[in-house]
């Protein structure tokens, strides 16, 4: 998490739903970074991450 994302996540104004959305967005950003790095290494196979775990901020290959 970047410092900006941490501040946004720990902001007392946000409720649990907003925090879950913040975690999803962070997981999506990290997922894109991982996929870009793998493509640079020559990955041809499509990899899909488990979308349900993104709600908790986790990435797992499905």
Protein backbone atom coordinates (compact mmCIF):
# COMPACT_ATOMS: atom_id res chain seq x y z
CA UNK A 1 0.00 0.00 0.00
CA UNK A 2 1.26 3.44 -0.80
CA UNK A 3 1.21 6.10 1.90
CA UNK A 4 -1.68 7.85 0.12
CA UNK A 5 -3.67 4.60 0.03
CA UNK A 6 -2.97 3.99 3.72
CA UNK A 7 -4.22 7.46 4.64
CA UNK A 8 -7.31 6.96 2.52
CA UNK A 9 -7.97 3.51 4.05
CA UNK A 10 -7.53 4.68 7.66
CA UNK A 11 -9.60 7.83 7.19
CA UNK A 12 -12.32 7.74 9.90
CA UNK A 13 -14.87 9.18 7.45
CA UNK A 14 -14.92 5.94 5.43
CA UNK A 15 -17.18 3.12 6.50
CA UNK A 16 -16.51 -0.61 6.03
CA UNK A 17 -17.95 -0.67 2.49
CA UNK A 18 -15.73 2.19 1.37
CA UNK A 19 -12.70 0.50 2.96
CA UNK A 20 -13.54 -2.72 1.11
CA UNK A 21 -13.67 -0.76 -2.17
CA UNK A 22 -10.31 0.81 -1.38
CA UNK A 23 -8.81 -2.66 -0.81
CA UNK A 24 -10.28 -3.89 -4.10
CA UNK A 25 -8.72 -0.98 -5.97
CA UNK A 26 -5.35 -1.63 -4.35
CA UNK A 27 -5.59 -5.32 -5.26
CA UNK A 28 -6.46 -4.39 -8.86
CA UNK A 29 -3.46 -2.06 -9.07
CA UNK A 30 -1.09 -4.70 -7.70
CA UNK A 31 -2.64 -7.33 -10.00
CA UNK A 32 -1.96 -5.11 -13.02
CA UNK A 33 1.64 -4.62 -11.90
CA UNK A 34 2.13 -8.38 -11.48
CA UNK A 35 0.61 -9.17 -14.88
CA UNK A 36 2.74 -6.50 -16.57
CA UNK A 37 5.90 -7.89 -15.00
CA UNK A 38 4.99 -11.42 -16.07
CA UNK A 39 4.27 -10.30 -19.64
CA UNK A 40 7.69 -8.66 -19.77
CA UNK A 41 9.16 -12.04 -18.84
CA UNK A 42 7.34 -13.63 -21.78
CA UNK A 43 4.23 -15.09 -20.17
CA UNK A 44 1.73 -16.21 -22.80
CA UNK A 45 -0.80 -17.99 -20.56
CA UNK A 46 -3.73 -15.98 -19.21
CA UNK A 47 -3.71 -15.80 -15.42
CA UNK A 48 -6.86 -15.00 -13.48
CA UNK A 49 -6.89 -13.95 -9.86
CA UNK A 50 -9.71 -14.95 -7.52
CA UNK A 51 -12.09 -11.94 -7.51
CA UNK A 52 -13.70 -12.79 -4.16
CA UNK A 53 -10.41 -12.48 -2.29
CA UNK A 54 -9.83 -8.98 -3.66
CA UNK A 55 -12.46 -7.74 -1.21
CA UNK A 56 -10.05 -8.59 1.59
CA UNK A 57 -7.05 -7.22 -0.26
CA UNK A 58 -5.61 -10.62 -1.16
CA UNK A 59 -4.52 -11.95 -4.53
CA UNK A 60 -4.72 -15.66 -5.29
CA UNK A 61 -4.48 -17.37 -8.66
CA UNK A 62 -7.74 -19.06 -9.54
